[in-house]
N, C-alpha and C. Protein backbone atom coordinates (compact mmCIF):
# COMPACT_ATOMS: atom_id res chain seq x y z
N MET A 1 -169.35 -5.12 -111.02
CA MET A 1 -168.08 -4.40 -111.15
C MET A 1 -167.62 -3.95 -109.76
N ASN A 2 -166.41 -4.31 -109.37
CA ASN A 2 -165.96 -3.92 -108.04
C ASN A 2 -165.40 -2.50 -108.04
N GLN A 3 -165.06 -2.01 -106.86
CA GLN A 3 -164.64 -0.62 -106.73
C GLN A 3 -163.37 -0.36 -107.53
N GLU A 4 -162.43 -1.31 -107.50
CA GLU A 4 -161.18 -1.09 -108.22
C GLU A 4 -161.43 -0.96 -109.71
N GLU A 5 -162.31 -1.82 -110.26
CA GLU A 5 -162.63 -1.75 -111.68
C GLU A 5 -163.32 -0.44 -112.02
N SER A 6 -164.27 -0.03 -111.16
CA SER A 6 -165.08 1.14 -111.48
C SER A 6 -164.28 2.43 -111.43
N GLU A 7 -163.12 2.41 -110.83
CA GLU A 7 -162.32 3.63 -110.75
C GLU A 7 -161.03 3.50 -111.57
N TRP A 8 -160.96 2.54 -112.45
CA TRP A 8 -159.80 2.32 -113.29
C TRP A 8 -160.04 2.96 -114.65
N PRO A 9 -159.04 3.57 -115.31
CA PRO A 9 -157.64 3.68 -114.90
C PRO A 9 -157.44 4.75 -113.84
N ILE A 10 -156.35 4.64 -113.10
CA ILE A 10 -156.07 5.61 -112.04
C ILE A 10 -155.85 6.99 -112.66
N PRO A 11 -156.64 7.98 -112.24
CA PRO A 11 -156.47 9.32 -112.82
C PRO A 11 -155.09 9.91 -112.51
N LYS A 12 -154.63 10.74 -113.42
CA LYS A 12 -153.34 11.41 -113.25
C LYS A 12 -153.46 12.67 -112.41
N ILE A 13 -154.69 13.12 -112.15
CA ILE A 13 -154.91 14.32 -111.35
C ILE A 13 -155.09 13.90 -109.89
N GLU A 14 -154.26 14.42 -109.03
CA GLU A 14 -154.32 14.05 -107.62
C GLU A 14 -155.68 14.41 -107.03
N GLY A 15 -156.27 13.46 -106.33
CA GLY A 15 -157.56 13.69 -105.69
C GLY A 15 -158.76 13.44 -106.58
N LEU A 16 -158.53 13.06 -107.85
CA LEU A 16 -159.64 12.82 -108.78
C LEU A 16 -159.97 11.33 -108.83
N ARG A 17 -161.24 11.00 -108.85
CA ARG A 17 -161.68 9.63 -109.09
C ARG A 17 -162.91 9.69 -109.99
N VAL A 18 -163.09 8.64 -110.77
CA VAL A 18 -164.20 8.56 -111.71
C VAL A 18 -164.97 7.29 -111.43
N VAL A 19 -166.30 7.41 -111.31
CA VAL A 19 -167.15 6.25 -110.99
C VAL A 19 -168.29 6.17 -111.99
N PRO A 20 -168.82 4.97 -112.23
CA PRO A 20 -170.03 4.84 -113.04
C PRO A 20 -171.17 5.63 -112.40
N ALA A 21 -172.03 6.19 -113.22
CA ALA A 21 -173.05 7.11 -112.70
C ALA A 21 -173.98 6.47 -111.68
N HIS A 22 -174.23 5.16 -111.81
CA HIS A 22 -175.15 4.55 -110.84
C HIS A 22 -174.53 4.47 -109.45
N LYS A 23 -173.22 4.68 -109.34
CA LYS A 23 -172.56 4.70 -108.04
C LYS A 23 -172.49 6.12 -107.47
N ALA A 24 -173.01 7.09 -108.22
CA ALA A 24 -173.08 8.47 -107.75
C ALA A 24 -174.54 8.80 -107.43
N SER A 25 -174.76 9.84 -106.67
CA SER A 25 -176.14 10.25 -106.39
C SER A 25 -176.63 11.18 -107.49
N TRP A 26 -177.94 11.23 -107.67
CA TRP A 26 -178.51 12.15 -108.64
C TRP A 26 -178.21 13.59 -108.24
N GLU A 27 -178.20 13.86 -106.95
CA GLU A 27 -177.90 15.22 -106.48
C GLU A 27 -176.50 15.63 -106.91
N ASP A 28 -175.54 14.70 -106.85
CA ASP A 28 -174.18 15.02 -107.29
C ASP A 28 -174.14 15.30 -108.79
N LEU A 29 -174.86 14.52 -109.57
CA LEU A 29 -174.87 14.75 -111.01
C LEU A 29 -175.52 16.08 -111.34
N GLU A 30 -176.56 16.43 -110.62
CA GLU A 30 -177.21 17.72 -110.83
C GLU A 30 -176.25 18.87 -110.52
N VAL A 31 -175.40 18.69 -109.50
CA VAL A 31 -174.41 19.72 -109.19
C VAL A 31 -173.47 19.91 -110.38
N VAL A 32 -173.08 18.81 -111.01
CA VAL A 32 -172.18 18.90 -112.17
C VAL A 32 -172.88 19.58 -113.34
N LEU A 33 -174.08 19.14 -113.63
CA LEU A 33 -174.77 19.69 -114.79
C LEU A 33 -175.23 21.12 -114.55
N GLY A 34 -175.60 21.42 -113.31
CA GLY A 34 -175.94 22.79 -112.93
C GLY A 34 -176.84 23.46 -113.93
N GLN A 35 -176.43 24.64 -114.38
CA GLN A 35 -177.20 25.38 -115.37
C GLN A 35 -176.59 25.24 -116.76
N ALA A 36 -175.72 24.25 -116.93
CA ALA A 36 -175.08 24.06 -118.24
C ALA A 36 -176.12 23.84 -119.31
N LYS A 37 -175.94 24.51 -120.42
CA LYS A 37 -176.89 24.38 -121.52
C LYS A 37 -176.20 23.86 -122.77
N CYS A 38 -176.95 23.08 -123.52
CA CYS A 38 -176.48 22.54 -124.79
C CYS A 38 -177.62 22.72 -125.78
N HIS A 39 -177.32 23.28 -126.94
CA HIS A 39 -178.37 23.57 -127.92
C HIS A 39 -179.41 24.51 -127.31
N ALA A 40 -178.97 25.43 -126.46
CA ALA A 40 -179.79 26.49 -125.86
C ALA A 40 -180.78 25.98 -124.82
N VAL A 41 -180.69 24.69 -124.43
CA VAL A 41 -181.57 24.16 -123.39
C VAL A 41 -180.73 23.30 -122.46
N ARG A 42 -181.33 22.90 -121.35
CA ARG A 42 -180.68 21.92 -120.48
C ARG A 42 -180.98 20.55 -121.07
N CYS A 43 -180.05 20.07 -121.85
CA CYS A 43 -180.27 18.90 -122.69
C CYS A 43 -180.35 17.59 -121.91
N TYR A 44 -179.58 17.48 -120.84
CA TYR A 44 -179.50 16.24 -120.07
C TYR A 44 -179.17 15.04 -120.97
N CYS A 45 -178.35 15.27 -121.98
CA CYS A 45 -177.87 14.20 -122.86
C CYS A 45 -179.00 13.44 -123.56
N GLN A 46 -180.04 14.17 -123.92
CA GLN A 46 -181.18 13.56 -124.62
C GLN A 46 -181.25 13.96 -126.09
N ARG A 47 -180.34 14.80 -126.56
CA ARG A 47 -180.40 15.28 -127.94
C ARG A 47 -180.41 14.14 -128.95
N PHE A 48 -179.63 13.10 -128.72
CA PHE A 48 -179.57 11.99 -129.67
C PHE A 48 -180.55 10.87 -129.33
N LYS A 49 -181.41 11.10 -128.33
CA LYS A 49 -182.34 10.07 -127.89
C LYS A 49 -183.79 10.41 -128.19
N ILE A 50 -184.16 11.67 -128.03
CA ILE A 50 -185.55 12.09 -128.24
C ILE A 50 -185.77 12.41 -129.72
N PRO A 51 -186.80 11.87 -130.35
CA PRO A 51 -187.06 12.17 -131.76
C PRO A 51 -187.24 13.68 -131.99
N SER A 52 -186.78 14.15 -133.12
CA SER A 52 -186.89 15.57 -133.44
C SER A 52 -188.32 16.06 -133.37
N SER A 53 -189.27 15.20 -133.74
CA SER A 53 -190.68 15.58 -133.73
C SER A 53 -191.21 15.86 -132.33
N ARG A 54 -190.51 15.33 -131.31
CA ARG A 54 -190.96 15.51 -129.92
C ARG A 54 -190.11 16.49 -129.14
N TRP A 55 -188.96 16.87 -129.69
CA TRP A 55 -187.96 17.62 -128.92
C TRP A 55 -188.55 18.85 -128.25
N LYS A 56 -189.30 19.66 -128.96
CA LYS A 56 -189.83 20.91 -128.41
C LYS A 56 -190.96 20.66 -127.43
N GLN A 57 -191.47 19.45 -127.39
CA GLN A 57 -192.56 19.14 -126.46
C GLN A 57 -192.04 18.63 -125.11
N VAL A 58 -190.75 18.36 -125.04
CA VAL A 58 -190.16 17.79 -123.82
C VAL A 58 -189.43 18.89 -123.07
N ASP A 59 -189.83 19.13 -121.82
CA ASP A 59 -189.21 20.22 -121.06
C ASP A 59 -188.02 19.73 -120.24
N ASP A 60 -187.37 20.67 -119.55
CA ASP A 60 -186.18 20.34 -118.78
C ASP A 60 -186.44 19.24 -117.75
N ASP A 61 -187.58 19.32 -117.07
CA ASP A 61 -187.87 18.35 -116.02
C ASP A 61 -187.99 16.93 -116.58
N GLU A 62 -188.61 16.79 -117.75
CA GLU A 62 -188.74 15.46 -118.33
C GLU A 62 -187.40 14.94 -118.82
N ARG A 63 -186.58 15.83 -119.41
CA ARG A 63 -185.25 15.39 -119.83
C ARG A 63 -184.42 14.96 -118.63
N ALA A 64 -184.55 15.70 -117.52
CA ALA A 64 -183.83 15.32 -116.30
C ALA A 64 -184.31 13.96 -115.80
N PHE A 65 -185.62 13.74 -115.84
CA PHE A 65 -186.17 12.45 -115.39
C PHE A 65 -185.63 11.31 -116.25
N LEU A 66 -185.59 11.53 -117.56
CA LEU A 66 -185.09 10.49 -118.46
C LEU A 66 -183.63 10.15 -118.15
N LEU A 67 -182.80 11.16 -117.94
CA LEU A 67 -181.40 10.90 -117.63
C LEU A 67 -181.26 10.19 -116.30
N ARG A 68 -182.09 10.57 -115.35
CA ARG A 68 -182.01 9.93 -114.03
C ARG A 68 -182.32 8.44 -114.14
N VAL A 69 -183.30 8.10 -114.96
CA VAL A 69 -183.63 6.69 -115.18
C VAL A 69 -182.49 5.98 -115.91
N GLN A 70 -181.95 6.63 -116.94
CA GLN A 70 -180.89 6.02 -117.75
C GLN A 70 -179.62 5.77 -116.95
N THR A 71 -179.28 6.68 -116.05
CA THR A 71 -178.06 6.53 -115.26
C THR A 71 -178.22 5.58 -114.09
N GLY A 72 -179.44 5.49 -113.56
CA GLY A 72 -179.63 4.70 -112.35
C GLY A 72 -178.91 5.30 -111.16
N CYS A 73 -178.71 6.60 -111.18
CA CYS A 73 -177.99 7.26 -110.08
C CYS A 73 -178.56 6.86 -108.73
N GLY A 74 -177.67 6.60 -107.79
CA GLY A 74 -178.09 6.23 -106.45
C GLY A 74 -178.46 4.78 -106.29
N ASN A 75 -178.28 3.98 -107.34
CA ASN A 75 -178.61 2.56 -107.29
C ASN A 75 -177.37 1.75 -107.66
N PRO A 76 -176.45 1.59 -106.73
CA PRO A 76 -175.16 0.95 -107.03
C PRO A 76 -175.28 -0.49 -107.50
N GLU A 77 -176.43 -1.12 -107.29
CA GLU A 77 -176.62 -2.50 -107.73
C GLU A 77 -177.22 -2.58 -109.13
N ALA A 78 -177.45 -1.45 -109.77
CA ALA A 78 -178.05 -1.45 -111.11
C ALA A 78 -177.17 -2.20 -112.10
N ASP A 79 -177.81 -2.90 -113.03
CA ASP A 79 -177.07 -3.67 -114.04
C ASP A 79 -176.56 -2.78 -115.17
N THR A 80 -177.24 -1.68 -115.41
CA THR A 80 -176.84 -0.79 -116.50
C THR A 80 -176.76 0.65 -116.00
N THR A 81 -176.00 1.45 -116.72
CA THR A 81 -175.93 2.88 -116.46
C THR A 81 -175.52 3.54 -117.76
N SER A 82 -175.43 4.86 -117.77
CA SER A 82 -175.19 5.51 -119.06
C SER A 82 -174.09 6.57 -119.01
N GLY A 83 -173.25 6.52 -118.01
CA GLY A 83 -172.19 7.52 -117.98
C GLY A 83 -171.32 7.41 -116.76
N LEU A 84 -170.44 8.40 -116.61
CA LEU A 84 -169.47 8.44 -115.53
C LEU A 84 -169.52 9.79 -114.85
N VAL A 85 -169.23 9.80 -113.56
CA VAL A 85 -169.17 11.04 -112.78
C VAL A 85 -167.77 11.14 -112.17
N ALA A 86 -167.18 12.32 -112.29
CA ALA A 86 -165.84 12.57 -111.74
C ALA A 86 -165.95 13.37 -110.45
N TYR A 87 -165.14 12.97 -109.47
CA TYR A 87 -165.07 13.68 -108.19
C TYR A 87 -163.64 14.17 -107.97
N LEU A 88 -163.51 15.38 -107.48
CA LEU A 88 -162.20 15.91 -107.10
C LEU A 88 -162.25 16.24 -105.63
N ASP A 89 -161.46 15.50 -104.85
CA ASP A 89 -161.49 15.67 -103.39
C ASP A 89 -162.91 15.58 -102.86
N HIS A 90 -163.64 14.57 -103.34
CA HIS A 90 -165.01 14.25 -102.90
C HIS A 90 -166.06 15.23 -103.44
N GLU A 91 -165.67 16.21 -104.23
CA GLU A 91 -166.61 17.17 -104.80
C GLU A 91 -166.94 16.75 -106.23
N PRO A 92 -168.25 16.60 -106.58
CA PRO A 92 -168.60 16.21 -107.95
C PRO A 92 -168.23 17.34 -108.93
N VAL A 93 -167.45 17.00 -109.97
CA VAL A 93 -166.95 18.05 -110.85
C VAL A 93 -167.15 17.77 -112.34
N GLY A 94 -167.41 16.52 -112.73
CA GLY A 94 -167.49 16.24 -114.16
C GLY A 94 -168.42 15.09 -114.50
N TRP A 95 -168.85 15.07 -115.75
CA TRP A 95 -169.77 14.05 -116.26
C TRP A 95 -169.36 13.67 -117.66
N CYS A 96 -169.56 12.41 -118.01
CA CYS A 96 -169.30 11.93 -119.36
C CYS A 96 -170.38 10.91 -119.70
N ALA A 97 -171.03 11.08 -120.85
CA ALA A 97 -172.04 10.12 -121.32
C ALA A 97 -171.36 9.09 -122.20
N VAL A 98 -171.52 7.82 -121.87
CA VAL A 98 -170.93 6.74 -122.66
C VAL A 98 -171.84 5.52 -122.58
N GLU A 99 -172.26 5.03 -123.74
CA GLU A 99 -173.18 3.90 -123.84
C GLU A 99 -172.95 3.21 -125.18
N PRO A 100 -173.61 2.05 -125.38
CA PRO A 100 -173.62 1.48 -126.72
C PRO A 100 -174.16 2.51 -127.72
N ARG A 101 -173.57 2.56 -128.88
CA ARG A 101 -173.98 3.56 -129.89
C ARG A 101 -175.46 3.44 -130.23
N THR A 102 -176.01 2.23 -130.15
CA THR A 102 -177.41 2.01 -130.46
C THR A 102 -178.35 2.66 -129.44
N ALA A 103 -177.82 3.11 -128.30
CA ALA A 103 -178.65 3.79 -127.30
C ALA A 103 -179.01 5.20 -127.74
N TYR A 104 -178.40 5.65 -128.85
CA TYR A 104 -178.64 7.00 -129.37
C TYR A 104 -179.30 6.89 -130.74
N PRO A 105 -180.63 6.71 -130.78
CA PRO A 105 -181.31 6.47 -132.05
C PRO A 105 -181.05 7.54 -133.11
N LYS A 106 -180.92 8.79 -132.68
CA LYS A 106 -180.76 9.86 -133.68
C LYS A 106 -179.37 9.87 -134.30
N LEU A 107 -178.43 9.16 -133.70
CA LEU A 107 -177.12 9.04 -134.35
C LEU A 107 -177.24 8.32 -135.69
N LYS A 108 -178.23 7.44 -135.80
CA LYS A 108 -178.39 6.67 -137.04
C LYS A 108 -178.69 7.57 -138.23
N SER A 109 -179.37 8.70 -137.96
CA SER A 109 -179.71 9.61 -139.06
C SER A 109 -178.85 10.86 -139.08
N SER A 110 -177.92 10.95 -138.14
CA SER A 110 -177.04 12.12 -138.08
C SER A 110 -176.07 12.13 -139.25
N ARG A 111 -175.69 13.32 -139.69
CA ARG A 111 -174.73 13.46 -140.77
C ARG A 111 -173.29 13.31 -140.29
N VAL A 112 -173.09 13.27 -138.98
CA VAL A 112 -171.72 13.27 -138.46
C VAL A 112 -171.00 11.92 -138.56
N PRO A 113 -171.55 10.82 -138.01
CA PRO A 113 -170.70 9.62 -137.89
C PRO A 113 -170.44 8.86 -139.18
N TRP A 114 -171.31 8.97 -140.19
CA TRP A 114 -171.35 7.94 -141.22
C TRP A 114 -170.66 8.22 -142.55
N PRO A 115 -170.51 9.46 -143.01
CA PRO A 115 -169.91 9.67 -144.34
C PRO A 115 -168.56 8.97 -144.50
N GLY A 116 -168.41 8.25 -145.62
CA GLY A 116 -167.15 7.58 -145.90
C GLY A 116 -166.91 6.32 -145.10
N ARG A 117 -167.92 5.82 -144.40
CA ARG A 117 -167.75 4.63 -143.57
C ARG A 117 -168.75 3.55 -143.96
N ASN A 118 -168.33 2.33 -143.88
CA ASN A 118 -169.20 1.18 -144.11
C ASN A 118 -169.44 0.52 -142.77
N GLU A 119 -170.43 1.03 -142.04
CA GLU A 119 -170.67 0.62 -140.66
C GLU A 119 -172.06 0.03 -140.50
N ASP A 120 -172.18 -0.97 -139.66
CA ASP A 120 -173.47 -1.49 -139.25
C ASP A 120 -174.00 -0.59 -138.14
N LYS A 121 -175.00 0.20 -138.45
CA LYS A 121 -175.51 1.17 -137.48
C LYS A 121 -176.21 0.50 -136.30
N ASP A 122 -176.52 -0.77 -136.42
CA ASP A 122 -177.21 -1.49 -135.35
C ASP A 122 -176.28 -2.39 -134.55
N ASP A 123 -174.99 -2.19 -134.71
CA ASP A 123 -174.00 -2.99 -133.98
C ASP A 123 -173.86 -2.44 -132.56
N ASP A 124 -174.43 -3.16 -131.58
CA ASP A 124 -174.40 -2.66 -130.21
C ASP A 124 -173.09 -2.97 -129.48
N SER A 125 -172.13 -3.58 -130.18
CA SER A 125 -170.82 -3.79 -129.57
C SER A 125 -169.91 -2.57 -129.75
N VAL A 126 -170.38 -1.60 -130.52
CA VAL A 126 -169.66 -0.34 -130.66
C VAL A 126 -170.32 0.68 -129.74
N TRP A 127 -169.52 1.28 -128.88
CA TRP A 127 -170.02 2.27 -127.93
C TRP A 127 -169.69 3.68 -128.41
N ALA A 128 -170.35 4.65 -127.81
CA ALA A 128 -170.13 6.04 -128.20
C ALA A 128 -170.02 6.93 -126.96
N VAL A 129 -169.08 7.85 -127.03
CA VAL A 129 -168.93 8.89 -126.01
C VAL A 129 -169.50 10.16 -126.63
N THR A 130 -170.61 10.63 -126.09
CA THR A 130 -171.33 11.72 -126.75
C THR A 130 -171.31 13.05 -126.03
N CYS A 131 -170.94 13.06 -124.75
CA CYS A 131 -171.05 14.33 -124.02
C CYS A 131 -170.08 14.38 -122.84
N PHE A 132 -169.53 15.56 -122.61
CA PHE A 132 -168.76 15.86 -121.41
C PHE A 132 -169.32 17.14 -120.79
N SER A 133 -169.29 17.19 -119.49
CA SER A 133 -169.63 18.44 -118.79
C SER A 133 -168.73 18.56 -117.57
N VAL A 134 -168.09 19.71 -117.44
CA VAL A 134 -167.23 19.99 -116.28
C VAL A 134 -167.72 21.29 -115.65
N ARG A 135 -167.83 21.27 -114.34
CA ARG A 135 -168.34 22.44 -113.62
C ARG A 135 -167.47 23.67 -113.82
N THR A 136 -168.13 24.81 -113.87
CA THR A 136 -167.41 26.07 -113.88
C THR A 136 -166.52 26.14 -112.65
N GLY A 137 -165.29 26.57 -112.84
CA GLY A 137 -164.33 26.63 -111.75
C GLY A 137 -163.38 25.43 -111.72
N TYR A 138 -163.74 24.38 -112.48
CA TYR A 138 -162.90 23.18 -112.53
C TYR A 138 -162.41 22.87 -113.94
N ARG A 139 -162.71 23.76 -114.87
CA ARG A 139 -162.31 23.53 -116.26
C ARG A 139 -160.84 23.86 -116.47
N ARG A 140 -160.31 23.37 -117.58
CA ARG A 140 -158.91 23.58 -117.95
C ARG A 140 -157.93 22.95 -116.95
N ARG A 141 -158.37 21.89 -116.31
CA ARG A 141 -157.50 21.15 -115.40
C ARG A 141 -157.19 19.74 -115.91
N GLY A 142 -157.77 19.39 -117.06
CA GLY A 142 -157.54 18.07 -117.61
C GLY A 142 -158.60 17.04 -117.22
N ILE A 143 -159.70 17.48 -116.62
CA ILE A 143 -160.73 16.54 -116.19
C ILE A 143 -161.38 15.84 -117.38
N THR A 144 -161.59 16.56 -118.47
CA THR A 144 -162.16 15.92 -119.66
C THR A 144 -161.24 14.82 -120.18
N TYR A 145 -159.93 15.05 -120.11
CA TYR A 145 -158.97 14.04 -120.54
C TYR A 145 -159.13 12.77 -119.70
N GLU A 146 -159.29 12.94 -118.39
CA GLU A 146 -159.44 11.78 -117.51
C GLU A 146 -160.76 11.07 -117.77
N LEU A 147 -161.80 11.83 -118.05
CA LEU A 147 -163.08 11.21 -118.34
C LEU A 147 -163.03 10.41 -119.65
N ALA A 148 -162.31 10.91 -120.64
CA ALA A 148 -162.17 10.18 -121.90
C ALA A 148 -161.45 8.85 -121.67
N ARG A 149 -160.39 8.87 -120.87
CA ARG A 149 -159.66 7.64 -120.56
C ARG A 149 -160.57 6.66 -119.81
N ALA A 150 -161.30 7.17 -118.84
CA ALA A 150 -162.17 6.31 -118.05
C ALA A 150 -163.32 5.76 -118.89
N ALA A 151 -163.83 6.57 -119.81
CA ALA A 151 -164.93 6.11 -120.67
C ALA A 151 -164.49 4.94 -121.54
N ALA A 152 -163.28 5.02 -122.06
CA ALA A 152 -162.76 3.92 -122.88
C ALA A 152 -162.64 2.65 -122.04
N ALA A 153 -162.09 2.77 -120.83
CA ALA A 153 -161.94 1.61 -119.95
C ALA A 153 -163.30 1.04 -119.56
N PHE A 154 -164.23 1.92 -119.27
CA PHE A 154 -165.57 1.50 -118.87
C PHE A 154 -166.26 0.72 -120.00
N ALA A 155 -166.18 1.26 -121.22
CA ALA A 155 -166.80 0.59 -122.36
C ALA A 155 -166.19 -0.80 -122.57
N ARG A 156 -164.88 -0.86 -122.46
CA ARG A 156 -164.20 -2.15 -122.65
C ARG A 156 -164.62 -3.15 -121.59
N GLU A 157 -164.69 -2.73 -120.34
CA GLU A 157 -165.11 -3.62 -119.25
C GLU A 157 -166.53 -4.13 -119.45
N ARG A 158 -167.36 -3.31 -120.10
CA ARG A 158 -168.75 -3.70 -120.33
C ARG A 158 -168.94 -4.48 -121.62
N GLY A 159 -167.85 -4.86 -122.27
CA GLY A 159 -167.96 -5.74 -123.42
C GLY A 159 -167.89 -5.10 -124.78
N ALA A 160 -167.59 -3.81 -124.85
CA ALA A 160 -167.50 -3.15 -126.16
C ALA A 160 -166.29 -3.68 -126.93
N ARG A 161 -166.44 -3.81 -128.24
CA ARG A 161 -165.29 -4.17 -129.08
C ARG A 161 -164.61 -2.92 -129.63
N ALA A 162 -165.33 -1.78 -129.54
CA ALA A 162 -164.77 -0.50 -129.97
C ALA A 162 -165.60 0.60 -129.35
N VAL A 163 -165.01 1.78 -129.23
CA VAL A 163 -165.73 2.95 -128.73
C VAL A 163 -165.32 4.14 -129.58
N GLU A 164 -166.26 5.02 -129.87
CA GLU A 164 -165.94 6.17 -130.70
C GLU A 164 -166.51 7.45 -130.12
N GLY A 165 -166.02 8.58 -130.64
CA GLY A 165 -166.49 9.88 -130.23
C GLY A 165 -166.53 10.80 -131.43
N TYR A 166 -167.11 12.00 -131.21
CA TYR A 166 -167.35 12.93 -132.31
C TYR A 166 -166.91 14.34 -131.90
N PRO A 167 -165.64 14.49 -131.57
CA PRO A 167 -165.17 15.73 -130.95
C PRO A 167 -164.96 16.88 -131.92
N MET A 168 -164.71 18.05 -131.31
CA MET A 168 -164.37 19.26 -132.05
C MET A 168 -162.85 19.39 -132.12
N ILE A 169 -162.38 20.01 -133.19
CA ILE A 169 -160.97 20.36 -133.30
C ILE A 169 -160.76 21.70 -132.62
N THR A 170 -159.88 21.75 -131.67
CA THR A 170 -159.58 23.01 -130.99
C THR A 170 -158.22 23.52 -131.46
N VAL A 171 -158.11 24.83 -131.54
CA VAL A 171 -156.89 25.48 -132.00
C VAL A 171 -156.41 26.41 -130.89
N PRO A 172 -155.13 26.33 -130.49
CA PRO A 172 -154.62 27.22 -129.45
C PRO A 172 -154.89 28.69 -129.78
N GLY A 173 -155.45 29.38 -128.82
CA GLY A 173 -155.74 30.80 -129.01
C GLY A 173 -157.09 31.07 -129.63
N GLN A 174 -157.76 30.03 -130.11
CA GLN A 174 -159.08 30.19 -130.72
C GLN A 174 -160.13 29.65 -129.77
N GLU A 175 -160.99 30.51 -129.30
CA GLU A 175 -161.99 30.12 -128.33
C GLU A 175 -163.16 29.40 -129.02
N ILE A 176 -163.63 28.33 -128.42
CA ILE A 176 -164.84 27.65 -128.84
C ILE A 176 -165.80 27.68 -127.67
N PRO A 177 -167.04 28.15 -127.87
CA PRO A 177 -167.99 28.20 -126.76
C PRO A 177 -168.10 26.85 -126.08
N TRP A 178 -168.17 26.87 -124.72
CA TRP A 178 -168.20 25.62 -123.97
C TRP A 178 -169.35 24.73 -124.43
N GLY A 179 -170.49 25.32 -124.76
CA GLY A 179 -171.63 24.53 -125.21
C GLY A 179 -171.33 23.69 -126.43
N GLU A 180 -170.44 24.19 -127.30
CA GLU A 180 -170.07 23.43 -128.49
C GLU A 180 -169.09 22.32 -128.15
N LEU A 181 -168.39 22.47 -127.04
CA LEU A 181 -167.38 21.47 -126.66
C LEU A 181 -167.96 20.36 -125.80
N HIS A 182 -169.29 20.29 -125.71
CA HIS A 182 -169.87 19.20 -124.92
C HIS A 182 -169.50 17.84 -125.51
N VAL A 183 -169.15 17.81 -126.80
CA VAL A 183 -168.76 16.55 -127.43
C VAL A 183 -167.30 16.20 -127.15
N GLY A 184 -166.55 17.12 -126.53
CA GLY A 184 -165.15 16.89 -126.23
C GLY A 184 -164.23 17.43 -127.31
N SER A 185 -162.97 17.52 -126.98
CA SER A 185 -161.97 17.98 -127.94
C SER A 185 -161.21 16.80 -128.53
N ARG A 186 -160.73 16.96 -129.75
CA ARG A 186 -159.96 15.90 -130.38
C ARG A 186 -158.74 15.53 -129.54
N SER A 187 -158.12 16.52 -128.92
CA SER A 187 -156.91 16.26 -128.15
C SER A 187 -157.18 15.37 -126.94
N ALA A 188 -158.35 15.53 -126.31
CA ALA A 188 -158.69 14.69 -125.15
C ALA A 188 -158.85 13.24 -125.58
N PHE A 189 -159.49 13.01 -126.70
CA PHE A 189 -159.65 11.64 -127.19
C PHE A 189 -158.32 11.06 -127.64
N ALA A 190 -157.51 11.88 -128.32
CA ALA A 190 -156.21 11.40 -128.80
C ALA A 190 -155.35 10.95 -127.63
N ALA A 191 -155.38 11.70 -126.53
CA ALA A 191 -154.59 11.35 -125.36
C ALA A 191 -155.05 10.04 -124.73
N ALA A 192 -156.32 9.66 -124.99
CA ALA A 192 -156.86 8.41 -124.46
C ALA A 192 -156.65 7.25 -125.43
N GLY A 193 -155.98 7.50 -126.57
CA GLY A 193 -155.66 6.43 -127.50
C GLY A 193 -156.58 6.32 -128.70
N PHE A 194 -157.56 7.22 -128.82
CA PHE A 194 -158.45 7.18 -129.97
C PHE A 194 -157.71 7.66 -131.22
N ARG A 195 -158.12 7.14 -132.38
CA ARG A 195 -157.53 7.53 -133.65
C ARG A 195 -158.60 8.10 -134.58
N GLU A 196 -158.22 9.10 -135.36
CA GLU A 196 -159.18 9.73 -136.26
C GLU A 196 -159.60 8.75 -137.36
N VAL A 197 -160.92 8.69 -137.59
CA VAL A 197 -161.48 7.82 -138.62
C VAL A 197 -161.88 8.64 -139.85
N THR A 198 -162.66 9.67 -139.62
CA THR A 198 -163.07 10.57 -140.70
C THR A 198 -163.16 11.98 -140.15
N ARG A 199 -163.28 12.93 -141.07
CA ARG A 199 -163.47 14.33 -140.69
C ARG A 199 -164.66 14.86 -141.49
N PRO A 200 -165.88 14.69 -140.96
CA PRO A 200 -167.07 15.05 -141.73
C PRO A 200 -167.23 16.54 -141.99
N THR A 201 -166.67 17.38 -141.11
CA THR A 201 -166.69 18.82 -141.33
C THR A 201 -165.31 19.38 -141.00
N GLU A 202 -165.12 20.64 -141.26
CA GLU A 202 -163.82 21.26 -141.01
C GLU A 202 -163.42 21.21 -139.55
N ARG A 203 -164.39 21.26 -138.65
CA ARG A 203 -164.09 21.33 -137.22
C ARG A 203 -164.46 20.07 -136.45
N ARG A 204 -165.12 19.12 -137.11
CA ARG A 204 -165.58 17.92 -136.41
C ARG A 204 -164.86 16.69 -136.94
N VAL A 205 -164.49 15.79 -136.03
CA VAL A 205 -163.86 14.54 -136.44
C VAL A 205 -164.60 13.37 -135.79
N VAL A 206 -164.48 12.21 -136.41
CA VAL A 206 -164.93 10.96 -135.81
C VAL A 206 -163.69 10.21 -135.37
N VAL A 207 -163.62 9.84 -134.11
CA VAL A 207 -162.45 9.13 -133.58
C VAL A 207 -162.91 7.79 -133.01
N ARG A 208 -161.99 6.85 -132.96
CA ARG A 208 -162.37 5.50 -132.55
C ARG A 208 -161.20 4.78 -131.89
N LEU A 209 -161.54 3.94 -130.94
CA LEU A 209 -160.57 3.08 -130.25
C LEU A 209 -161.05 1.66 -130.36
N GLU A 210 -160.25 0.81 -131.01
CA GLU A 210 -160.60 -0.61 -131.18
C GLU A 210 -160.00 -1.41 -130.02
N PHE A 211 -160.78 -2.36 -129.50
CA PHE A 211 -160.29 -3.20 -128.41
C PHE A 211 -159.88 -4.59 -128.90
N HIS A 212 -160.56 -5.11 -129.92
CA HIS A 212 -160.20 -6.42 -130.46
C HIS A 212 -160.85 -6.59 -131.81
């Protein structure tokens, strides 16, 4: 993937660029993730990857190691990676996890994606956007929106026939803890062209973008 492809589509925020994680350094990704917590721990996007039976046995350092391997950070020649990193004026500010849906084994048993759908859970041509993280001080600028757009483009370039997400419904004036919004907001996905597929709970939706 050349530089032009890896930074497409052109962000609408001046000074912002989005690159595949293997083209970013691990130190930059750590700056983005910082002390951000998900499910009361530093998840490092392993919640849907580590079996529930092992979750409490895996500490922050091991989860960080796993993500570092999965992203290939600092290895621009890597064939695979697992997300995107956003920079604003050369400062790392955001992260988005996006991979084939099959890379998240626990999604197969999750109650969120499947009710009311006739889906092949082992179809690796369907990708999933499972996590966003934006640094404190850079939120509410639209960075999540740009990451959602870039995630869709990235999945398509890597051969996905569709990509989906599992965002929260946000209501103006109603605060949702940032930790709950790691899955993204429905509005960010909608702006990137995703369409609602199902609504498994009152606040959660499944959204999807078909490519062909």
